Amino acid sequence: MIAAAAPVAGAAGIGVAADAPGSGTPSAAAAVLAALMPEKLAADTSTLLLCPMPGLIAKVYVAEGDEVQEGQPLCTVEAMKMENILRAERKAVVSKVNAAAGDSLAVDDVIMEFE
């Protein structure tokens, strides 16, 4: 049986003591605070082409305003001496190209945007 948490005075004021160390059960205060934490929603990246790994843009195959089809090559990223061709996941229109050949990108940098 797990004992109920007891109020204790700490440096920051009155808190609630945690259950037995190593029990894996959060204290009552932790449970209350966890309920107040906002849910972090994943960003909508469905209209973006993100760089999957750190690398160098070797070639961009499309321009702004181009209509692309599913599977069409969009650009090539060189990483660790390998070329990775990034392809369109669905039919779309390119609204903005943020990277050009020779640009060095980090993970999740936006390469291009779609309408």
PDB file of N, CA and C in Angstrom:
ATOM      1  N   MET A   1       0.839  -1.177   0.000  1.00  0.00           N
ATOM      2  CA  MET A   1       0.000   0.000   0.000  1.00  0.00           C
ATOM      3  C   MET A   1       0.881   1.236   0.000  1.00  0.00           C
ATOM      4  N   ILE A   2       0.553   2.216  -0.832  1.00  0.00           N
ATOM      5  CA  ILE A   2       1.345   3.433  -0.936  1.00  0.00           C
ATOM      6  C   ILE A   2       0.772   4.456   0.028  1.00  0.00           C
ATOM      7  N   ALA A   3       1.669   5.072   0.785  1.00  0.00           N
ATOM      8  CA  ALA A   3       1.248   6.077   1.757  1.00  0.00           C
ATOM      9  C   ALA A   3       0.928   7.371   1.028  1.00  0.00           C
ATOM     10  N   ALA A   4      -0.003   8.125   1.560  1.00  0.00           N
ATOM     11  CA  ALA A   4      -0.368   9.415   0.986  1.00  0.00           C
ATOM     12  C   ALA A   4       0.754  10.402   1.222  1.00  0.00           C
ATOM     13  N   ALA A   5       0.931  11.327   0.302  1.00  0.00           N
ATOM     14  CA  ALA A   5       1.970  12.332   0.435  1.00  0.00           C
ATOM     15  C   ALA A   5       1.595  13.304   1.542  1.00  0.00           C
ATOM     16  N   ALA A   6       2.582  13.724   2.304  1.00  0.00           N
ATOM     17  CA  ALA A   6       2.351  14.641   3.416  1.00  0.00           C
ATOM     18  C   ALA A   6       2.903  16.006   3.067  1.00  0.00           C
ATOM     19  N   PRO A   7       2.204  17.091   3.484  1.00  0.00           N
ATOM     20  CA  PRO A   7       2.715  18.433   3.224  1.00  0.00           C
ATOM     21  C   PRO A   7       4.020  18.663   3.970  1.00  0.00           C
ATOM     22  N   VAL A   8       4.971  19.335   3.325  1.00  0.00           N
ATOM     23  CA  VAL A   8       6.239  19.677   3.958  1.00  0.00           C
ATOM     24  C   VAL A   8       6.593  21.111   3.614  1.00  0.00           C
ATOM     25  N   ALA A   9       7.393  21.757   4.445  1.00  0.00           N
ATOM     26  CA  ALA A   9       7.861  23.114   4.171  1.00  0.00           C
ATOM     27  C   ALA A   9       9.214  23.007   3.509  1.00  0.00           C
ATOM     28  N   GLY A  10       9.393  23.700   2.419  1.00  0.00           N
ATOM     29  CA  GLY A  10      10.671  23.671   1.706  1.00  0.00           C
ATOM     30  C   GLY A  10      11.177  25.074   1.493  1.00  0.00           C
ATOM     31  N   ALA A  11      12.298  25.195   0.804  1.00  0.00           N
ATOM     32  CA  ALA A  11      12.905  26.501   0.565  1.00  0.00           C
ATOM     33  C   ALA A  11      11.986  27.389  -0.263  1.00  0.00           C
ATOM     34  N   ALA A  12      11.200  26.797  -1.142  1.00  0.00           N
ATOM     35  CA  ALA A  12      10.337  27.588  -2.022  1.00  0.00           C
ATOM     36  C   ALA A  12       8.947  27.764  -1.422  1.00  0.00           C
ATOM     37  N   GLY A  13       8.714  27.289  -0.215  1.00  0.00           N
ATOM     38  CA  GLY A  13       7.394  27.432   0.391  1.00  0.00           C
ATOM     39  C   GLY A  13       6.858  26.076   0.772  1.00  0.00           C
ATOM     40  N   ILE A  14       5.552  25.948   0.791  1.00  0.00           N
ATOM     41  CA  ILE A  14       4.934  24.691   1.196  1.00  0.00           C
ATOM     42  C   ILE A  14       4.744  23.829  -0.037  1.00  0.00           C
ATOM     43  N   GLY A  15       5.152  22.590   0.060  1.00  0.00           N
ATOM     44  CA  GLY A  15       5.017  21.664  -1.049  1.00  0.00           C
ATOM     45  C   GLY A  15       4.439  20.358  -0.555  1.00  0.00           C
ATOM     46  N   VAL A  16       4.545  19.357  -1.373  1.00  0.00           N
ATOM     47  CA  VAL A  16       4.067  18.033  -1.005  1.00  0.00           C
ATOM     48  C   VAL A  16       5.216  17.070  -1.176  1.00  0.00           C
ATOM     49  N   ALA A  17       5.466  16.272  -0.169  1.00  0.00           N
ATOM     50  CA  ALA A  17       6.574  15.320  -0.226  1.00  0.00           C
ATOM     51  C   ALA A  17       6.269  14.228  -1.237  1.00  0.00           C
ATOM     52  N   ALA A  18       7.304  13.750  -1.870  1.00  0.00           N
ATOM     53  CA  ALA A  18       7.146  12.661  -2.834  1.00  0.00           C
ATOM     54  C   ALA A  18       6.950  11.350  -2.088  1.00  0.00           C
ATOM     55  N   ASP A  19       6.389  10.378  -2.787  1.00  0.00           N
ATOM     56  CA  ASP A  19       6.273   9.053  -2.211  1.00  0.00           C
ATOM     57  C   ASP A  19       7.670   8.486  -1.997  1.00  0.00           C
ATOM     58  N   ALA A  20       7.755   7.295  -1.517  1.00  0.00           N
ATOM     59  CA  ALA A  20       9.033   6.670  -1.210  1.00  0.00           C
ATOM     60  C   ALA A  20       9.972   6.762  -2.401  1.00  0.00           C
ATOM     61  N   PRO A  21      11.234   7.125  -2.150  1.00  0.00           N
ATOM     62  CA  PRO A  21      12.197   7.218  -3.257  1.00  0.00           C
ATOM     63  C   PRO A  21      12.276   5.899  -4.018  1.00  0.00           C
ATOM     64  N   GLY A  22      12.310   6.016  -5.326  1.00  0.00           N
ATOM     65  CA  GLY A  22      12.429   4.837  -6.158  1.00  0.00           C
ATOM     66  C   GLY A  22      11.131   4.085  -6.367  1.00  0.00           C
ATOM     67  N   SER A  23      10.014   4.624  -5.839  1.00  0.00           N
ATOM     68  CA  SER A  23       8.739   3.917  -5.984  1.00  0.00           C
ATOM     69  C   SER A  23       8.168   4.072  -7.387  1.00  0.00           C
ATOM     70  N   GLY A  24       8.631   5.118  -8.103  1.00  0.00           N
ATOM     71  CA  GLY A  24       8.131   5.355  -9.447  1.00  0.00           C
ATOM     72  C   GLY A  24       6.766   6.019  -9.473  1.00  0.00           C
ATOM     73  N   THR A  25       6.224   6.331  -8.307  1.00  0.00           N
ATOM     74  CA  THR A  25       4.918   6.970  -8.202  1.00  0.00           C
ATOM     75  C   THR A  25       5.127   8.462  -8.017  1.00  0.00           C
ATOM     76  N   PRO A  26       4.526   9.316  -8.861  1.00  0.00           N
ATOM     77  CA  PRO A  26       4.698  10.749  -8.684  1.00  0.00           C
ATOM     78  C   PRO A  26       3.984  11.228  -7.427  1.00  0.00           C
ATOM     79  N   SER A  27       4.466  12.325  -6.881  1.00  0.00           N
ATOM     80  CA  SER A  27       3.815  12.887  -5.707  1.00  0.00           C
ATOM     81  C   SER A  27       2.483  13.506  -6.122  1.00  0.00           C
ATOM     82  N   ALA A  28       1.664  13.812  -5.125  1.00  0.00           N
ATOM     83  CA  ALA A  28       0.369  14.433  -5.411  1.00  0.00           C
ATOM     84  C   ALA A  28       0.571  15.782  -6.079  1.00  0.00           C
ATOM     85  N   ALA A  29       1.581  16.541  -5.645  1.00  0.00           N
ATOM     86  CA  ALA A  29       1.844  17.850  -6.245  1.00  0.00           C
ATOM     87  C   ALA A  29       2.240  17.701  -7.705  1.00  0.00           C
ATOM     88  N   ALA A  30       3.067  16.698  -8.006  1.00  0.00           N
ATOM     89  CA  ALA A  30       3.482  16.473  -9.389  1.00  0.00           C
ATOM     90  C   ALA A  30       2.287  16.113 -10.251  1.00  0.00           C
ATOM     91  N   ALA A  31       1.362  15.333  -9.711  1.00  0.00           N
ATOM     92  CA  ALA A  31       0.165  14.960 -10.463  1.00  0.00           C
ATOM     93  C   ALA A  31      -0.706  16.174 -10.740  1.00  0.00           C
ATOM     94  N   VAL A  32      -0.836  17.059  -9.753  1.00  0.00           N
ATOM     95  CA  VAL A  32      -1.638  18.280  -9.923  1.00  0.00           C
ATOM     96  C   VAL A  32      -0.997  19.174 -10.974  1.00  0.00           C
ATOM     97  N   LEU A  33       0.322  19.349 -10.877  1.00  0.00           N
ATOM     98  CA  LEU A  33       1.015  20.212 -11.838  1.00  0.00           C
ATOM     99  C   LEU A  33       1.007  19.616 -13.239  1.00  0.00           C
ATOM    100  N   ALA A  34       1.118  18.313 -13.361  1.00  0.00           N
ATOM    101  CA  ALA A  34       1.083  17.666 -14.668  1.00  0.00           C
ATOM    102  C   ALA A  34      -0.255  17.892 -15.356  1.00  0.00           C
ATOM    103  N   ALA A  35      -1.324  17.932 -14.576  1.00  0.00           N
ATOM    104  CA  ALA A  35      -2.654  18.167 -15.147  1.00  0.00           C
ATOM    105  C   ALA A  35      -2.777  19.590 -15.704  1.00  0.00           C
ATOM    106  N   LEU A  36      -1.966  20.527 -15.200  1.00  0.00           N
ATOM    107  CA  LEU A  36      -2.033  21.916 -15.653  1.00  0.00           C
ATOM    108  C   LEU A  36      -1.152  22.193 -16.868  1.00  0.00           C
ATOM    109  N   MET A  37      -0.261  21.269 -17.204  1.00  0.00           N
ATOM    110  CA  MET A  37       0.647  21.475 -18.329  1.00  0.00           C
ATOM    111  C   MET A  37      -0.121  21.437 -19.650  1.00  0.00           C
ATOM    112  N   PRO A  38       0.131  22.407 -20.527  1.00  0.00           N
ATOM    113  CA  PRO A  38      -0.560  22.397 -21.824  1.00  0.00           C
ATOM    114  C   PRO A  38      -0.019  21.277 -22.710  1.00  0.00           C
ATOM    115  N   GLU A  39      -0.884  20.750 -23.558  1.00  0.00           N
ATOM    116  CA  GLU A  39      -0.478  19.724 -24.519  1.00  0.00           C
ATOM    117  C   GLU A  39       0.270  20.421 -25.648  1.00  0.00           C
ATOM    118  N   LYS A  40       1.442  19.920 -25.997  1.00  0.00           N
ATOM    119  CA  LYS A  40       2.194  20.497 -27.098  1.00  0.00           C
ATOM    120  C   LYS A  40       1.765  19.799 -28.381  1.00  0.00           C
ATOM    121  N   LEU A  41       1.164  20.572 -29.282  1.00  0.00           N
ATOM    122  CA  LEU A  41       0.699  20.031 -30.546  1.00  0.00           C
ATOM    123  C   LEU A  41       1.830  20.058 -31.566  1.00  0.00           C
ATOM    124  N   ALA A  42       1.912  19.041 -32.362  1.00  0.00           N
ATOM    125  CA  ALA A  42       2.919  18.988 -33.416  1.00  0.00           C
ATOM    126  C   ALA A  42       2.609  20.044 -34.473  1.00  0.00           C
ATOM    127  N   ALA A  43       3.649  20.698 -34.964  1.00  0.00           N
ATOM    128  CA  ALA A  43       3.475  21.724 -35.992  1.00  0.00           C
ATOM    129  C   ALA A  43       3.022  21.074 -37.297  1.00  0.00           C
ATOM    130  N   ASP A  44       2.191  21.796 -38.048  1.00  0.00           N
ATOM    131  CA  ASP A  44       1.724  21.296 -39.342  1.00  0.00           C
ATOM    132  C   ASP A  44       2.802  21.579 -40.390  1.00  0.00           C
ATOM    133  N   THR A  45       3.491  20.549 -40.801  1.00  0.00           N
ATOM    134  CA  THR A  45       4.552  20.691 -41.803  1.00  0.00           C
ATOM    135  C   THR A  45       4.142  20.083 -43.135  1.00  0.00           C
ATOM    136  N   SER A  46       2.845  19.915 -43.344  1.00  0.00           N
ATOM    137  CA  SER A  46       2.368  19.253 -44.555  1.00  0.00           C
ATOM    138  C   SER A  46       2.615  20.074 -45.824  1.00  0.00           C
ATOM    139  N   THR A  47       2.865  21.373 -45.679  1.00  0.00           N
ATOM    140  CA  THR A  47       3.105  22.211 -46.861  1.00  0.00           C
ATOM    141  C   THR A  47       4.574  22.606 -46.972  1.00  0.00           C
ATOM    142  N   LEU A  48       5.455  21.895 -46.261  1.00  0.00           N
ATOM    143  CA  LEU A  48       6.874  22.226 -46.268  1.00  0.00           C
ATOM    144  C   LEU A  48       7.714  21.012 -46.661  1.00  0.00           C
ATOM    145  N   LEU A  49       8.838  21.272 -47.307  1.00  0.00           N
ATOM    146  CA  LEU A  49       9.850  20.238 -47.522  1.00  0.00           C
ATOM    147  C   LEU A  49      10.985  20.579 -46.571  1.00  0.00           C
ATOM    148  N   LEU A  50      11.198  19.708 -45.557  1.00  0.00           N
ATOM    149  CA  LEU A  50      12.223  19.932 -44.550  1.00  0.00           C
ATOM    150  C   LEU A  50      13.451  19.091 -44.859  1.00  0.00           C
ATOM    151  N   CYS A  51      14.609  19.616 -44.520  1.00  0.00           N
ATOM    152  CA  CYS A  51      15.852  18.879 -44.720  1.00  0.00           C
ATOM    153  C   CYS A  51      15.902  17.737 -43.700  1.00  0.00           C
ATOM    154  N   PRO A  52      16.022  16.481 -44.148  1.00  0.00           N
ATOM    155  CA  PRO A  52      15.966  15.342 -43.234  1.00  0.00           C
ATOM    156  C   PRO A  52      17.236  15.124 -42.424  1.00  0.00           C
ATOM    157  N   MET A  53      18.344  15.745 -42.844  1.00  0.00           N
ATOM    158  CA  MET A  53      19.631  15.552 -42.166  1.00  0.00           C
ATOM    159  C   MET A  53      20.528  16.738 -42.489  1.00  0.00           C
ATOM    160  N   PRO A  54      21.561  16.986 -41.695  1.00  0.00           N
ATOM    161  CA  PRO A  54      22.483  18.066 -42.056  1.00  0.00           C
ATOM    162  C   PRO A  54      23.157  17.732 -43.379  1.00  0.00           C
ATOM    163  N   GLY A  55      23.241  18.705 -44.254  1.00  0.00           N
ATOM    164  CA  GLY A  55      23.858  18.427 -45.551  1.00  0.00           C
ATOM    165  C   GLY A  55      23.919  19.647 -46.437  1.00  0.00           C
ATOM    166  N   LEU A  56      24.339  19.418 -47.651  1.00  0.00           N
ATOM    167  CA  LEU A  56      24.526  20.455 -48.649  1.00  0.00           C
ATOM    168  C   LEU A  56      23.534  20.228 -49.790  1.00  0.00           C
ATOM    169  N   ILE A  57      22.865  21.267 -50.214  1.00  0.00           N
ATOM    170  CA  ILE A  57      21.949  21.149 -51.354  1.00  0.00           C
ATOM    171  C   ILE A  57      22.810  21.041 -52.619  1.00  0.00           C
ATOM    172  N   ALA A  58      22.725  19.913 -53.299  1.00  0.00           N
ATOM    173  CA  ALA A  58      23.514  19.689 -54.516  1.00  0.00           C
ATOM    174  C   ALA A  58      22.800  20.260 -55.732  1.00  0.00           C
ATOM    175  N   LYS A  59      21.478  20.063 -55.795  1.00  0.00           N
ATOM    176  CA  LYS A  59      20.721  20.525 -56.959  1.00  0.00           C
ATOM    177  C   LYS A  59      19.264  20.714 -56.575  1.00  0.00           C
ATOM    178  N   VAL A  60      18.650  21.747 -57.133  1.00  0.00           N
ATOM    179  CA  VAL A  60      17.212  21.985 -56.973  1.00  0.00           C
ATOM    180  C   VAL A  60      16.592  21.798 -58.347  1.00  0.00           C
ATOM    181  N   TYR A  61      15.606  20.913 -58.443  1.00  0.00           N
ATOM    182  CA  TYR A  61      15.012  20.558 -59.731  1.00  0.00           C
ATOM    183  C   TYR A  61      13.773  21.361 -60.095  1.00  0.00           C
ATOM    184  N   VAL A  62      13.208  22.116 -59.157  1.00  0.00           N
ATOM    185  CA  VAL A  62      11.971  22.858 -59.412  1.00  0.00           C
ATOM    186  C   VAL A  62      12.159  24.328 -59.072  1.00  0.00           C
ATOM    187  N   ALA A  63      11.232  25.152 -59.533  1.00  0.00           N
ATOM    188  CA  ALA A  63      11.262  26.587 -59.254  1.00  0.00           C
ATOM    189  C   ALA A  63       9.904  27.015 -58.703  1.00  0.00           C
ATOM    190  N   GLU A  64       9.848  28.225 -58.190  1.00  0.00           N
ATOM    191  CA  GLU A  64       8.586  28.755 -57.674  1.00  0.00           C
ATOM    192  C   GLU A  64       7.542  28.770 -58.778  1.00  0.00           C
ATOM    193  N   GLY A  65       6.334  28.349 -58.431  1.00  0.00           N
ATOM    194  CA  GLY A  65       5.239  28.323 -59.390  1.00  0.00           C
ATOM    195  C   GLY A  65       5.097  27.007 -60.131  1.00  0.00           C
ATOM    196  N   ASP A  66       6.087  26.132 -60.039  1.00  0.00           N
ATOM    197  CA  ASP A  66       6.012  24.836 -60.721  1.00  0.00           C
ATOM    198  C   ASP A  66       4.982  23.938 -60.048  1.00  0.00           C
ATOM    199  N   GLU A  67       4.248  23.188 -60.866  1.00  0.00           N
ATOM    200  CA  GLU A  67       3.331  22.173 -60.339  1.00  0.00           C
ATOM    201  C   GLU A  67       4.095  20.859 -60.330  1.00  0.00           C
ATOM    202  N   VAL A  68       4.140  20.211 -59.173  1.00  0.00           N
ATOM    203  CA  VAL A  68       4.871  18.945 -59.057  1.00  0.00           C
ATOM    204  C   VAL A  68       3.896  17.801 -58.852  1.00  0.00           C
ATOM    205  N   GLN A  69       4.285  16.638 -59.334  1.00  0.00           N
ATOM    206  CA  GLN A  69       3.474  15.431 -59.218  1.00  0.00           C
ATOM    207  C   GLN A  69       4.070  14.536 -58.132  1.00  0.00           C
ATOM    208  N   GLU A  70       3.272  13.636 -57.622  1.00  0.00           N
ATOM    209  CA  GLU A  70       3.738  12.683 -56.618  1.00  0.00           C
ATOM    210  C   GLU A  70       4.930  11.894 -57.161  1.00  0.00           C
ATOM    211  N   GLY A  71       6.013  11.839 -56.377  1.00  0.00           N
ATOM    212  CA  GLY A  71       7.205  11.095 -56.771  1.00  0.00           C
ATOM    213  C   GLY A  71       8.215  11.878 -57.584  1.00  0.00           C
ATOM    214  N   GLN A  72       7.857  13.095 -57.991  1.00  0.00           N
ATOM    215  CA  GLN A  72       8.772  13.913 -58.793  1.00  0.00           C
ATOM    216  C   GLN A  72       9.941  14.392 -57.928  1.00  0.00           C
ATOM    217  N   PRO A  73      11.196  14.333 -58.433  1.00  0.00           N
ATOM    218  CA  PRO A  73      12.344  14.831 -57.666  1.00  0.00           C
ATOM    219  C   PRO A  73      12.236  16.346 -57.452  1.00  0.00           C
ATOM    220  N   LEU A  74      12.512  16.779 -56.213  1.00  0.00           N
ATOM    221  CA  LEU A  74      12.458  18.200 -55.880  1.00  0.00           C
ATOM    222  C   LEU A  74      13.859  18.778 -55.720  1.00  0.00           C
ATOM    223  N   CYS A  75      14.715  18.048 -55.016  1.00  0.00           N
ATOM    224  CA  CYS A  75      16.089  18.486 -54.835  1.00  0.00           C
ATOM    225  C   CYS A  75      16.940  17.312 -54.381  1.00  0.00           C
ATOM    226  N   THR A  76      18.255  17.524 -54.408  1.00  0.00           N
ATOM    227  CA  THR A  76      19.197  16.509 -53.946  1.00  0.00           C
ATOM    228  C   THR A  76      20.003  17.093 -52.792  1.00  0.00           C
ATOM    229  N   VAL A  77      20.085  16.336 -51.694  1.00  0.00           N
ATOM    230  CA  VAL A  77      20.865  16.738 -50.528  1.00  0.00           C
ATOM    231  C   VAL A  77      22.054  15.789 -50.412  1.00  0.00           C
ATOM    232  N   GLU A  78      23.260  16.353 -50.330  1.00  0.00           N
ATOM    233  CA  GLU A  78      24.466  15.556 -50.109  1.00  0.00           C
ATOM    234  C   GLU A  78      24.757  15.526 -48.616  1.00  0.00           C
ATOM    235  N   ALA A  79      24.875  14.315 -48.071  1.00  0.00           N
ATOM    236  CA  ALA A  79      25.194  14.162 -46.654  1.00  0.00           C
ATOM    237  C   ALA A  79      26.042  12.909 -46.495  1.00  0.00           C
ATOM    238  N   MET A  80      27.139  13.031 -45.777  1.00  0.00           N
ATOM    239  CA  MET A  80      28.036  11.901 -45.513  1.00  0.00           C
ATOM    240  C   MET A  80      28.436  11.191 -46.813  1.00  0.00           C
ATOM    241  N   LYS A  81      28.803  11.976 -47.822  1.00  0.00           N
ATOM    242  CA  LYS A  81      29.268  11.475 -49.117  1.00  0.00           C
ATOM    243  C   LYS A  81      28.212  10.683 -49.877  1.00  0.00           C
ATOM    244  N   MET A  82      26.942  10.895 -49.556  1.00  0.00           N
ATOM    245  CA  MET A  82      25.854  10.231 -50.277  1.00  0.00           C
ATOM    246  C   MET A  82      24.878  11.290 -50.763  1.00  0.00           C
ATOM    247  N   GLU A  83      24.273  11.033 -51.905  1.00  0.00           N
ATOM    248  CA  GLU A  83      23.251  11.936 -52.440  1.00  0.00           C
ATOM    249  C   GLU A  83      21.876  11.363 -52.140  1.00  0.00           C
ATOM    250  N   ASN A  84      21.027  12.185 -51.555  1.00  0.00           N
ATOM    251  CA  ASN A  84      19.662  11.785 -51.220  1.00  0.00           C
ATOM    252  C   ASN A  84      18.692  12.630 -52.036  1.00  0.00           C
ATOM    253  N   ILE A  85      17.920  12.001 -52.897  1.00  0.00           N
ATOM    254  CA  ILE A  85      16.947  12.718 -53.722  1.00  0.00           C
ATOM    255  C   ILE A  85      15.646  12.825 -52.926  1.00  0.00           C
ATOM    256  N   LEU A  86      15.206  14.052 -52.696  1.00  0.00           N
ATOM    257  CA  LEU A  86      13.944  14.285 -51.993  1.00  0.00           C
ATOM    258  C   LEU A  86      12.856  14.447 -53.040  1.00  0.00           C
ATOM    259  N   ARG A  87      11.778  13.684 -52.885  1.00  0.00           N
ATOM    260  CA  ARG A  87      10.695  13.644 -53.878  1.00  0.00           C
ATOM    261  C   ARG A  87       9.392  14.173 -53.291  1.00  0.00           C
ATOM    262  N   ALA A  88       8.509  14.622 -54.162  1.00  0.00           N
ATOM    263  CA  ALA A  88       7.201  15.121 -53.738  1.00  0.00           C
ATOM    264  C   ALA A  88       6.351  13.970 -53.212  1.00  0.00           C
ATOM    265  N   GLU A  89       5.690  14.195 -52.089  1.00  0.00           N
ATOM    266  CA  GLU A  89       4.813  13.177 -51.505  1.00  0.00           C
ATOM    267  C   GLU A  89       3.433  13.177 -52.143  1.00  0.00           C
ATOM    268  N   ARG A  90       3.066  14.314 -52.732  1.00  0.00           N
ATOM    269  CA  ARG A  90       1.751  14.437 -53.359  1.00  0.00           C
ATOM    270  C   ARG A  90       1.800  15.547 -54.397  1.00  0.00           C
ATOM    271  N   LYS A  91       0.737  15.689 -55.152  1.00  0.00           N
ATOM    272  CA  LYS A  91       0.632  16.752 -56.153  1.00  0.00           C
ATOM    273  C   LYS A  91       0.507  18.091 -55.429  1.00  0.00           C
ATOM    274  N   ALA A  92       1.287  19.089 -55.870  1.00  0.00           N
ATOM    275  CA  ALA A  92       1.264  20.409 -55.221  1.00  0.00           C
ATOM    276  C   ALA A  92       1.879  21.445 -56.149  1.00  0.00           C
ATOM    277  N   VAL A  93       1.802  22.702 -55.721  1.00  0.00           N
ATOM    278  CA  VAL A  93       2.424  23.809 -56.449  1.00  0.00           C
ATOM    279  C   VAL A  93       3.481  24.424 -55.532  1.00  0.00           C
ATOM    280  N   VAL A  94       4.689  24.621 -56.045  1.00  0.00           N
ATOM    281  CA  VAL A  94       5.776  25.206 -55.258  1.00  0.00           C
ATOM    282  C   VAL A  94       5.506  26.699 -55.099  1.00  0.00           C
ATOM    283  N   SER A  95       5.376  27.159 -53.851  1.00  0.00           N
ATOM    284  CA  SER A  95       5.114  28.581 -53.619  1.00  0.00           C
ATOM    285  C   SER A  95       6.381  29.354 -53.287  1.00  0.00           C
ATOM    286  N   LYS A  96       7.388  28.682 -52.709  1.00  0.00           N
ATOM    287  CA  LYS A  96       8.622  29.381 -52.360  1.00  0.00           C
ATOM    288  C   LYS A  96       9.758  28.367 -52.247  1.00  0.00           C
ATOM    289  N   VAL A  97      10.909  28.727 -52.815  1.00  0.00           N
ATOM    290  CA  VAL A  97      12.116  27.907 -52.684  1.00  0.00           C
ATOM    291  C   VAL A  97      13.075  28.678 -51.778  1.00  0.00           C
ATOM    292  N   ASN A  98      13.387  28.104 -50.608  1.00  0.00           N
ATOM    293  CA  ASN A  98      14.211  28.790 -49.603  1.00  0.00           C
ATOM    294  C   ASN A  98      15.690  28.442 -49.686  1.00  0.00           C
ATOM    295  N   ALA A  99      16.064  27.441 -50.454  1.00  0.00           N
ATOM    296  CA  ALA A  99      17.459  27.013 -50.536  1.00  0.00           C
ATOM    297  C   ALA A  99      17.878  26.864 -51.994  1.00  0.00           C
ATOM    298  N   ALA A 100      19.137  27.107 -52.236  1.00  0.00           N
ATOM    299  CA  ALA A 100      19.690  26.976 -53.586  1.00  0.00           C
ATOM    300  C   ALA A 100      20.862  26.005 -53.548  1.00  0.00           C
ATOM    301  N   ALA A 101      21.293  25.578 -54.718  1.00  0.00           N
ATOM    302  CA  ALA A 101      22.439  24.670 -54.804  1.00  0.00           C
ATOM    303  C   ALA A 101      23.633  25.306 -54.109  1.00  0.00           C
ATOM    304  N   GLY A 102      24.310  24.501 -53.284  1.00  0.00           N
ATOM    305  CA  GLY A 102      25.472  24.996 -52.547  1.00  0.00           C
ATOM    306  C   GLY A 102      25.166  25.417 -51.128  1.00  0.00           C
ATOM    307  N   ASP A 103      23.896  25.564 -50.769  1.00  0.00           N
ATOM    308  CA  ASP A 103      23.529  25.960 -49.407  1.00  0.00           C
ATOM    309  C   ASP A 103      23.732  24.798 -48.442  1.00  0.00           C
ATOM    310  N   SER A 104      24.242  25.118 -47.269  1.00  0.00           N
ATOM    311  CA  SER A 104      24.421  24.132 -46.213  1.00  0.00           C
ATOM    312  C   SER A 104      23.241  24.248 -45.251  1.00  0.00           C
ATOM    313  N   LEU A 105      22.575  23.112 -44.985  1.00  0.00           N
ATOM    314  CA  LEU A 105      21.367  23.126 -44.158  1.00  0.00           C
ATOM    315  C   LEU A 105      21.504  22.212 -42.950  1.00  0.00           C
ATOM    316  N   ALA A 106      20.765  22.543 -41.909  1.00  0.00           N
ATOM    317  CA  ALA A 106      20.682  21.713 -40.705  1.00  0.00           C
ATOM    318  C   ALA A 106      19.408  20.876 -40.782  1.00  0.00           C
ATOM    319  N   VAL A 107      19.258  19.975 -39.846  1.00  0.00           N
ATOM    320  CA  VAL A 107      18.053  19.149 -39.779  1.00  0.00           C
ATOM    321  C   VAL A 107      16.834  20.056 -39.602  1.00  0.00           C
ATOM    322  N   ASP A 108      15.770  19.772 -40.322  1.00  0.00           N
ATOM    323  CA  ASP A 108      14.487  20.481 -40.264  1.00  0.00           C
ATOM    324  C   ASP A 108      14.522  21.913 -40.797  1.00  0.00           C
ATOM    325  N   ASP A 109      15.587  22.315 -41.481  1.00  0.00           N
ATOM    326  CA  ASP A 109      15.557  23.604 -42.175  1.00  0.00           C
ATOM    327  C   ASP A 109      14.565  23.471 -43.335  1.00  0.00           C
ATOM    328  N   VAL A 110      13.841  24.552 -43.627  1.00  0.00           N
ATOM    329  CA  VAL A 110      12.832  24.520 -44.697  1.00  0.00           C
ATOM    330  C   VAL A 110      13.526  24.718 -46.039  1.00  0.00           C
ATOM    331  N   ILE A 111      13.390  23.725 -46.911  1.00  0.00           N
ATOM    332  CA  ILE A 111      13.982  23.808 -48.249  1.00  0.00           C
ATOM    333  C   ILE A 111      13.024  24.517 -49.200  1.00  0.00           C
ATOM    334  N   MET A 112      11.737  24.115 -49.171  1.00  0.00           N
ATOM    335  CA  MET A 112      10.732  24.779 -50.002  1.00  0.00           C
ATOM    336  C   MET A 112       9.359  24.653 -49.389  1.00  0.00           C
ATOM    337  N   GLU A 113       8.456  25.530 -49.845  1.00  0.00           N
ATOM    338  CA  GLU A 113       7.084  25.569 -49.355  1.00  0.00           C
ATOM    339  C   GLU A 113       6.124  25.313 -50.516  1.00  0.00           C
ATOM    340  N   PHE A 114       4.972  24.739 -50.191  1.00  0.00           N
ATOM    341  CA  PHE A 114       3.970  24.420 -51.206  1.00  0.00           C
ATOM    342  C   PHE A 114       2.641  25.090 -50.871  1.00  0.00           C
ATOM    343  N   GLU A 115       1.809  25.292 -51.905  1.00  0.00           N
ATOM    344  CA  GLU A 115       0.482  25.874 -51.710  1.00  0.00           C
ATOM    345  C   GLU A 115      -0.480  24.783 -51.296  1.00  0.00           C
TER     346      GLU A 115
END
